[in-house]
Amino acid sequence: MNGAFSHQQIIDRYLPLLDADTVEFLDQSVEKIVACKRKGAKVVVATGSGPNLHEGVTTLIAELMAKGIIDGIITSSAVIAHEMGGTLDKVKRMDGRELGFGADVLPKGFTFELTEMPEAALTELRHEMELDDDLLTRGRQLDGTTIIKAAGNMAYPMGLRSERLAREIMSIAQAYGLSFETVAGWGADPRTMIGTGAQRGLPVLVSVPQLIGGGGVGLAIADSLSITERCMRISEVLASADVIIESAVALTQEIHDGPYEVYTGHGIWANWDGYRTYSLEGKTLVRIDLDPNLKKAWLAERQSQTVQEAIDQGLPKTKLTGIPFRMEMSGFSRLEGSLPVIGDIGVIWPVLACKVALGLGIELDFVSHPQQTPDGKAMREWIVEQVKPIQRDLMLQTSRTYQTNR
């Protein structure tokens, strides 16, 4: 969904919304990505949930995976849960007490949500689970507000469906020795990261710090692989990449330099004890983030090696740098190949994607737009209508013919 705009028109439209420093770091990032792909090397993305979903970034990343630009994903269990539901959907929100629910089981504000679904979709869903038609009828009759939000979350019946389906996916994953994310991808829409990953054989994995989201889906993801195996698989994905892009994601210190990474020091004993380790040395680490303190920490390290000095002396980094210091700033700021791209990811990603596509001579079929713009609003509606929930039958069909090759 590009509308009537060329890649260059999208760049020209959104580039003026970014400050000069951000544009400079963005252009450096584009150069690194284009050079990486031209030599046949890999680009991996670590995403958070939240704005990555609402700004259409995860849908754009799926497109970049399909076009061979992005080669692997580290993400959150919440993103997997939402992609299982179709990324974004429309829900009707109402007072759950009016439906007979006790205030003690309702979230803050006593809100209850119904997924807005066509009757044909509900009919198909009845083959999987028993639906409370009385609840659906009464909910439709109540006054409420319809909004677009991350899909398959708290709304009935799709939120409940995702949690129950997650247990089936977990069991299949355990039987074959696969990740939950791979099995879910078998039935997922190809315009999701898990769907594209499954189709193209690209890794899509939830990081350990990001296992806690997505409700029961997160629990099923966590139980599908041991923590140790998950960490090793993630390390292999990161080791394979020349460029790592982090998009609005927290706790990245425990993602990009986890227990098997040696350059920042955390994997030193794993290597001694015979585990396969990797190094971030020489890699480009692009961080897309709203927090200006990230760039301040980066500048402090470039100008006076303040962060490394604090580590060498065993001193608190917050006091030496004079800024609120998030843990991930440490590894990021000390890496010679790190680039802080500070700004709205809804603006940065379409510019980044279009510049890379032009540099590589690739035509993208989908480009996201900032959600606050008219084109962004149209994009969100398009995602609701076009990106479908996971197909259980397709997943089971693929599972029946899967060969483990063991």
Protein backbone atom coordinates (compact mmCIF):
# COMPACT_ATOMS: atom_id res chain seq x y z
CA MET A 1 0.00 0.00 0.00
CA ASN A 2 1.99 2.92 -1.32
CA GLY A 3 -0.92 5.02 -2.48
CA ALA A 4 0.04 7.45 -5.24
CA PHE A 5 3.53 8.16 -3.90
CA SER A 6 6.87 7.05 -5.26
CA HIS A 7 9.70 6.19 -2.89
CA GLN A 8 11.32 9.56 -3.54
CA GLN A 9 8.04 11.39 -2.88
CA ILE A 10 7.71 9.63 0.48
CA ILE A 11 11.27 10.65 1.36
CA ASP A 12 10.61 14.26 0.32
CA ARG A 13 7.37 14.33 2.30
CA TYR A 14 8.70 13.06 5.64
CA LEU A 15 12.40 13.98 5.69
CA PRO A 16 11.66 17.64 6.64
CA LEU A 17 9.98 16.36 9.83
CA LEU A 18 13.36 15.16 11.15
CA ASP A 19 16.08 17.36 12.65
CA ALA A 20 19.48 17.72 11.00
CA ASP A 21 21.32 15.37 13.39
CA THR A 22 18.74 12.64 12.89
CA VAL A 23 18.95 13.01 9.11
CA GLU A 24 22.75 12.74 9.28
CA PHE A 25 22.65 9.54 11.34
CA LEU A 26 19.81 8.19 9.20
CA ASP A 27 21.83 8.70 6.02
CA GLN A 28 24.84 6.97 7.61
CA SER A 29 22.55 4.06 8.53
CA VAL A 30 21.24 3.82 4.98
CA GLU A 31 24.80 3.75 3.62
CA LYS A 32 25.72 0.91 5.99
CA ILE A 33 22.61 -1.12 5.12
CA VAL A 34 23.00 -0.67 1.36
CA ALA A 35 26.71 -1.58 1.51
CA CYS A 36 25.88 -4.60 3.66
CA LYS A 37 23.29 -5.93 1.21
CA ARG A 38 25.42 -5.25 -1.85
CA LYS A 39 28.15 -7.53 -0.50
CA GLY A 40 25.62 -10.24 0.34
CA ALA A 41 25.73 -9.77 4.13
CA LYS A 42 22.77 -9.77 6.52
CA VAL A 43 20.62 -7.18 8.30
CA VAL A 44 18.73 -8.12 11.47
CA VAL A 45 16.08 -6.06 13.27
CA ALA A 46 15.15 -6.07 16.97
CA THR A 47 11.73 -4.52 17.52
CA GLY A 48 9.58 -3.62 20.46
CA SER A 49 5.79 -3.71 20.28
CA GLY A 50 3.64 -0.60 20.86
CA PRO A 51 4.51 2.00 18.23
CA ASN A 52 6.10 -0.56 15.92
CA LEU A 53 2.63 -2.06 15.42
CA HIS A 54 0.59 1.14 15.41
CA GLU A 55 2.91 2.96 13.01
CA GLY A 56 2.83 0.06 10.54
CA VAL A 57 6.53 -0.62 11.15
CA THR A 58 6.16 -4.37 11.71
CA THR A 59 4.15 -4.59 8.47
CA LEU A 60 6.87 -2.61 6.68
CA ILE A 61 9.55 -4.88 8.16
CA ALA A 62 7.64 -7.90 6.81
CA GLU A 63 7.76 -6.28 3.38
CA LEU A 64 11.50 -5.66 3.73
CA MET A 65 11.92 -9.32 4.67
CA ALA A 66 9.94 -10.40 1.62
CA LYS A 67 12.14 -8.22 -0.62
CA GLY A 68 15.37 -9.66 0.78
CA ILE A 69 16.49 -6.54 2.67
CA ILE A 70 15.99 -7.83 6.24
CA ASP A 71 17.22 -11.31 7.11
CA GLY A 72 16.06 -11.95 10.69
CA ILE A 73 13.95 -10.59 13.52
CA ILE A 74 14.27 -10.41 17.29
CA THR A 75 10.96 -9.22 18.77
CA SER A 76 8.53 -9.44 21.68
CA SER A 77 5.87 -11.98 22.59
CA ALA A 78 3.32 -9.15 22.42
CA VAL A 79 4.17 -8.60 18.75
CA ILE A 80 3.74 -12.33 18.05
CA ALA A 81 0.35 -12.29 19.79
CA HIS A 82 -0.79 -9.27 17.80
CA GLU A 83 0.43 -10.71 14.49
CA MET A 84 -1.52 -13.88 15.28
CA GLY A 85 -4.58 -11.61 15.47
CA GLY A 86 -3.80 -9.80 12.22
CA THR A 87 -1.56 -6.96 13.57
CA LEU A 88 -4.32 -4.35 13.99
CA ASP A 89 -8.07 -4.76 14.39
CA LYS A 90 -11.16 -2.77 15.24
CA VAL A 91 -12.78 -3.27 18.61
CA LYS A 92 -15.84 -1.86 20.28
CA ARG A 93 -15.18 -0.77 23.86
CA MET A 94 -17.94 -0.64 26.48
CA ASP A 95 -18.56 -0.83 30.21
CA GLY A 96 -18.18 -4.51 31.09
CA ARG A 97 -20.35 -4.12 34.18
CA GLU A 98 -23.33 -3.58 31.88
CA LEU A 99 -22.66 -7.02 30.45
CA GLY A 100 -22.79 -8.58 33.91
CA PHE A 101 -19.05 -8.88 34.59
CA GLY A 102 -17.84 -8.16 38.10
CA ALA A 103 -15.68 -5.08 38.58
CA ASP A 104 -13.02 -7.29 40.16
CA VAL A 105 -12.28 -9.12 36.88
CA LEU A 106 -12.33 -6.08 34.59
CA PRO A 107 -9.34 -3.85 33.77
CA LYS A 108 -9.03 -0.24 34.89
CA GLY A 109 -12.04 1.74 33.71
CA PHE A 110 -14.15 -1.45 33.69
CA THR A 111 -13.61 -1.72 29.93
CA PHE A 112 -14.71 -4.74 27.94
CA GLU A 113 -13.96 -5.06 24.23
CA LEU A 114 -15.58 -6.91 21.35
CA THR A 115 -13.67 -7.63 18.14
CA GLU A 116 -15.55 -6.20 15.17
CA MET A 117 -15.70 -9.12 12.74
CA PRO A 118 -17.79 -9.88 9.65
CA GLU A 119 -20.30 -12.68 10.12
CA ALA A 120 -18.37 -14.94 7.73
CA ALA A 121 -15.31 -14.70 9.97
CA LEU A 122 -17.39 -15.52 13.04
CA THR A 123 -18.89 -18.52 11.25
CA GLU A 124 -15.40 -19.81 10.46
CA LEU A 125 -14.32 -19.25 14.05
CA ARG A 126 -17.21 -21.41 15.30
CA HIS A 127 -15.41 -24.44 13.85
CA GLU A 128 -12.62 -23.82 16.38
CA MET A 129 -14.37 -22.68 19.54
CA GLU A 130 -17.77 -22.24 21.11
CA LEU A 131 -18.88 -18.61 20.95
CA ASP A 132 -21.14 -16.85 23.44
CA ASP A 133 -23.72 -15.49 20.99
CA ASP A 134 -25.74 -13.89 23.78
CA LEU A 135 -22.67 -11.91 24.86
CA LEU A 136 -22.00 -10.85 21.28
CA THR A 137 -25.60 -9.71 20.79
CA ARG A 138 -25.77 -7.75 24.04
CA GLY A 139 -22.39 -6.17 23.37
CA ARG A 140 -23.47 -4.96 19.97
CA GLN A 141 -26.54 -3.35 21.48
CA LEU A 142 -24.68 -1.39 24.16
CA ASP A 143 -23.31 2.08 23.60
CA GLY A 144 -19.57 2.08 23.07
CA THR A 145 -16.61 3.46 21.16
CA THR A 146 -14.93 1.79 18.20
CA ILE A 147 -11.15 2.12 17.94
CA ILE A 148 -8.25 0.55 16.04
CA LYS A 149 -5.74 -1.16 18.31
CA ALA A 150 -3.18 -3.96 18.38
CA ALA A 151 -5.01 -7.11 17.31
CA GLY A 152 -5.91 -10.26 19.21
CA ASN A 153 -5.39 -8.75 22.62
CA MET A 154 -8.17 -8.07 25.14
CA ALA A 155 -11.17 -8.19 22.83
CA TYR A 156 -13.64 -11.10 22.68
CA PRO A 157 -13.48 -13.46 20.90
CA MET A 158 -10.09 -12.94 19.19
CA GLY A 159 -8.09 -12.35 22.34
CA LEU A 160 -9.41 -15.57 23.89
CA ARG A 161 -8.87 -17.40 20.61
CA SER A 162 -5.20 -16.34 20.47
CA GLU A 163 -4.52 -17.60 23.99
CA ARG A 164 -6.17 -20.96 23.38
CA LEU A 165 -4.55 -21.42 19.99
CA ALA A 166 -1.19 -20.62 21.58
CA ARG A 167 -1.37 -23.82 23.63
CA GLU A 168 -1.84 -25.89 20.47
CA ILE A 169 1.05 -24.13 18.77
CA MET A 170 3.27 -24.69 21.80
CA SER A 171 2.54 -28.43 21.77
CA ILE A 172 3.39 -28.76 18.08
CA ALA A 173 6.57 -26.72 18.54
CA GLN A 174 7.69 -28.94 21.40
CA ALA A 175 6.96 -32.10 19.37
CA TYR A 176 9.15 -30.97 16.48
CA GLY A 177 11.81 -29.15 18.47
CA LEU A 178 10.85 -25.84 16.85
CA SER A 179 10.18 -22.39 18.20
CA PHE A 180 6.60 -21.27 18.78
CA GLU A 181 7.26 -18.39 16.38
CA THR A 182 8.05 -20.77 13.51
CA VAL A 183 4.93 -22.90 13.96
CA ALA A 184 2.68 -19.84 14.34
CA GLY A 185 4.20 -18.49 11.13
CA TRP A 186 2.94 -21.52 9.20
CA GLY A 187 -0.60 -20.18 9.41
CA ALA A 188 0.10 -16.46 9.69
CA ASP A 189 -0.64 -13.80 7.11
CA PRO A 190 2.37 -13.31 4.79
CA ARG A 191 2.24 -9.58 5.57
CA THR A 192 3.28 -10.30 9.15
CA MET A 193 6.87 -10.88 10.27
CA ILE A 194 6.11 -14.41 11.46
CA GLY A 195 4.29 -15.21 8.22
CA THR A 196 7.08 -13.90 6.00
CA GLY A 197 9.68 -15.56 8.21
CA ALA A 198 7.99 -18.94 7.80
CA GLN A 199 7.57 -18.54 4.04
CA ARG A 200 11.18 -17.46 3.42
CA GLY A 201 12.87 -19.55 6.12
CA LEU A 202 14.01 -16.46 8.02
CA PRO A 203 14.45 -16.52 11.81
CA VAL A 204 11.85 -14.68 13.90
CA LEU A 205 12.53 -15.07 17.62
CA VAL A 206 11.29 -13.47 20.82
CA SER A 207 14.10 -12.25 23.05
CA VAL A 208 14.24 -13.41 26.67
CA PRO A 209 13.58 -9.92 28.16
CA GLN A 210 10.53 -9.64 25.88
CA LEU A 211 8.87 -12.94 26.86
CA ILE A 212 6.60 -11.33 29.45
CA GLY A 213 4.10 -9.68 27.09
CA GLY A 214 1.21 -11.18 25.18
CA GLY A 215 -0.53 -12.85 28.12
CA GLY A 216 -0.90 -16.59 27.63
CA VAL A 217 0.78 -16.32 24.24
CA GLY A 218 3.94 -15.13 25.97
CA LEU A 219 3.83 -18.07 28.35
CA ALA A 220 3.44 -20.52 25.45
CA ILE A 221 6.34 -18.92 23.59
CA ALA A 222 8.50 -19.12 26.70
CA ASP A 223 7.62 -22.80 27.21
CA SER A 224 8.27 -23.79 23.59
CA LEU A 225 12.07 -23.58 23.96
CA SER A 226 14.34 -23.59 26.98
CA ILE A 227 15.83 -20.21 27.91
CA THR A 228 19.31 -21.52 27.14
CA GLU A 229 18.36 -22.73 23.66
CA ARG A 230 16.50 -19.48 22.95
CA CYS A 231 19.58 -17.44 23.92
CA MET A 232 21.81 -19.57 21.70
CA ARG A 233 19.45 -19.23 18.73
CA ILE A 234 19.28 -15.46 19.21
CA SER A 235 23.07 -15.26 19.43
CA GLU A 236 23.33 -17.13 16.12
CA VAL A 237 20.97 -14.65 14.45
CA LEU A 238 22.93 -11.67 15.76
CA ALA A 239 26.28 -13.27 14.93
CA SER A 240 25.15 -13.70 11.32
CA ALA A 241 24.40 -9.98 10.84
CA ASP A 242 26.66 -7.14 9.76
CA VAL A 243 23.96 -4.58 10.63
CA ILE A 244 21.58 -4.74 13.61
CA ILE A 245 18.69 -2.26 13.75
CA GLU A 246 16.90 -1.70 17.08
CA SER A 247 13.47 -0.10 16.77
CA ALA A 248 11.76 1.34 19.85
CA VAL A 249 12.73 -1.59 22.06
CA ALA A 250 13.79 -1.65 25.71
CA LEU A 251 16.33 -3.83 27.55
CA THR A 252 18.51 -4.21 24.48
CA GLN A 253 21.66 -4.71 26.56
CA GLU A 254 20.27 -8.17 27.34
CA ILE A 255 19.42 -8.70 23.64
CA HIS A 256 22.41 -7.59 21.57
CA ASP A 257 25.08 -8.50 24.14
CA GLY A 258 23.54 -11.41 25.97
CA PRO A 259 25.17 -14.45 27.58
CA TYR A 260 27.10 -15.55 24.45
CA GLU A 261 28.55 -12.19 23.34
CA VAL A 262 32.21 -11.49 24.18
CA TYR A 263 33.05 -7.94 23.02
CA THR A 264 31.18 -6.29 25.90
CA GLY A 265 32.32 -9.04 28.25
CA HIS A 266 29.16 -10.95 29.15
CA GLY A 267 30.08 -14.12 27.25
CA ILE A 268 33.61 -14.51 28.53
CA TRP A 269 32.90 -17.48 30.81
CA ALA A 270 30.61 -19.16 28.29
CA ASN A 271 33.54 -19.22 25.89
CA TRP A 272 35.85 -20.66 28.56
CA ASP A 273 33.35 -23.43 29.19
CA GLY A 274 33.13 -24.43 25.55
CA TYR A 275 30.04 -22.66 24.23
CA ARG A 276 29.96 -21.05 20.80
CA THR A 277 30.16 -17.26 21.26
CA TYR A 278 30.14 -14.23 18.99
CA SER A 279 31.36 -10.63 19.02
CA LEU A 280 29.66 -7.31 18.28
CA GLU A 281 33.03 -5.87 17.26
CA GLY A 282 32.87 -4.46 13.74
CA LYS A 283 29.07 -4.63 13.51
CA THR A 284 26.86 -1.61 12.83
CA LEU A 285 24.23 -1.11 15.54
CA VAL A 286 21.51 1.35 14.51
CA ARG A 287 19.23 2.46 17.33
CA ILE A 288 15.92 4.15 16.43
CA ASP A 289 14.61 5.71 19.63
CA LEU A 290 12.80 8.77 20.99
CA ASP A 291 15.06 9.15 24.04
CA PRO A 292 17.59 11.99 23.50
CA ASN A 293 19.66 10.66 26.42
CA LEU A 294 20.73 7.81 24.17
CA LYS A 295 22.49 10.28 21.88
CA LYS A 296 23.92 12.15 24.88
CA ALA A 297 25.49 8.94 26.18
CA TRP A 298 26.79 8.17 22.69
CA LEU A 299 28.33 11.67 22.41
CA ALA A 300 29.84 11.48 25.89
CA GLU A 301 31.60 8.28 24.95
CA ARG A 302 32.82 9.68 21.62
CA GLN A 303 34.12 12.89 23.21
CA SER A 304 35.69 11.65 26.44
CA GLN A 305 35.03 7.90 26.79
CA THR A 306 32.93 8.69 29.87
CA VAL A 307 30.96 5.45 29.80
CA GLN A 308 34.02 3.23 29.39
CA GLU A 309 35.80 5.20 32.13
CA ALA A 310 32.90 4.58 34.53
CA ILE A 311 33.04 0.85 33.74
CA ASP A 312 36.82 0.74 34.16
CA GLN A 313 36.56 2.40 37.57
CA GLY A 314 33.48 0.49 38.67
CA LEU A 315 31.56 3.75 39.12
CA PRO A 316 27.86 4.52 38.57
CA LYS A 317 27.41 5.66 34.96
CA THR A 318 24.57 8.02 35.87
CA LYS A 319 26.85 10.19 38.04
CA LEU A 320 29.71 10.36 35.57
CA THR A 321 27.53 11.10 32.54
CA GLY A 322 25.06 13.38 34.33
CA ILE A 323 22.09 11.83 32.52
CA PRO A 324 19.44 9.24 33.42
CA PHE A 325 21.29 6.13 32.32
CA ARG A 326 19.39 3.17 30.91
CA MET A 327 21.31 -0.07 30.92
CA GLU A 328 21.26 -0.50 27.14
CA MET A 329 23.07 2.81 26.69
CA SER A 330 26.25 1.15 27.93
CA GLY A 331 26.84 -1.46 25.28
CA PHE A 332 25.37 0.76 22.57
CA SER A 333 27.46 3.85 23.30
CA ARG A 334 30.71 1.89 23.57
CA LEU A 335 30.34 0.11 20.22
CA GLU A 336 32.40 1.86 17.55
CA GLY A 337 29.77 1.08 14.91
CA SER A 338 26.71 2.36 16.76
CA LEU A 339 24.47 5.06 15.30
CA PRO A 340 21.75 6.87 17.34
CA VAL A 341 18.77 7.82 15.16
CA ILE A 342 16.59 9.86 17.52
CA GLY A 343 13.02 10.63 16.52
CA ASP A 344 9.55 9.32 15.71
CA ILE A 345 9.83 5.78 14.33
CA GLY A 346 6.65 6.41 12.32
CA VAL A 347 8.56 9.06 10.36
CA ILE A 348 12.02 7.47 10.37
CA TRP A 349 11.11 4.00 9.09
CA PRO A 350 9.38 4.95 5.80
CA VAL A 351 12.25 7.32 4.98
CA LEU A 352 14.84 4.66 5.89
CA ALA A 353 13.04 1.95 3.90
CA CYS A 354 12.58 4.10 0.81
CA LYS A 355 16.19 5.31 0.83
CA VAL A 356 17.47 1.74 1.15
CA ALA A 357 15.08 0.52 -1.57
CA LEU A 358 16.28 3.25 -3.94
CA GLY A 359 19.90 2.45 -3.11
CA LEU A 360 19.35 -1.22 -3.95
CA GLY A 361 17.02 -0.72 -6.91
CA ILE A 362 14.14 -2.53 -5.18
CA GLU A 363 10.46 -1.59 -5.46
CA LEU A 364 8.48 -1.91 -2.22
CA ASP A 365 4.81 -2.84 -2.45
CA PHE A 366 4.07 -1.54 1.04
CA VAL A 367 5.49 1.52 2.81
CA SER A 368 4.20 2.70 6.18
CA HIS A 369 3.18 6.27 6.99
CA PRO A 370 3.15 8.15 10.34
CA GLN A 371 -0.12 7.23 12.03
CA GLN A 372 -1.04 10.87 12.74
CA THR A 373 -1.15 11.74 9.02
CA PRO A 374 -4.12 11.16 6.68
CA ASP A 375 -2.08 8.53 4.84
CA GLY A 376 -1.19 6.94 8.17
CA LYS A 377 -4.85 6.71 9.11
CA ALA A 378 -5.62 5.12 5.74
CA MET A 379 -2.71 2.72 6.24
CA ARG A 380 -4.08 1.59 9.60
CA GLU A 381 -7.48 0.94 8.05
CA TRP A 382 -5.76 -1.03 5.27
CA ILE A 383 -3.93 -3.21 7.80
CA VAL A 384 -7.21 -3.90 9.63
CA GLU A 385 -8.90 -4.96 6.39
CA GLN A 386 -6.06 -6.75 4.60
CA VAL A 387 -3.80 -8.40 7.20
CA LYS A 388 -5.72 -11.42 8.42
CA PRO A 389 -5.51 -13.45 11.65
CA ILE A 390 -3.60 -16.71 11.73
CA GLN A 391 -5.35 -19.60 9.92
CA ARG A 392 -5.45 -22.58 12.25
CA ASP A 393 -6.32 -25.04 9.47
CA LEU A 394 -3.36 -23.93 7.36
CA MET A 395 -1.04 -24.23 10.35
CA LEU A 396 -2.24 -27.76 11.09
CA GLN A 397 -1.99 -28.76 7.43
CA THR A 398 1.62 -27.57 7.31
CA SER A 399 2.36 -29.36 10.57
CA ARG A 400 1.09 -32.68 9.18
CA THR A 401 3.59 -32.57 6.31
CA TYR A 402 6.54 -31.06 8.19
CA GLN A 403 9.74 -33.08 7.99
CA THR A 404 12.06 -32.73 10.97
CA ASN A 405 15.08 -34.11 9.07
CA ARG A 406 16.47 -35.63 12.25
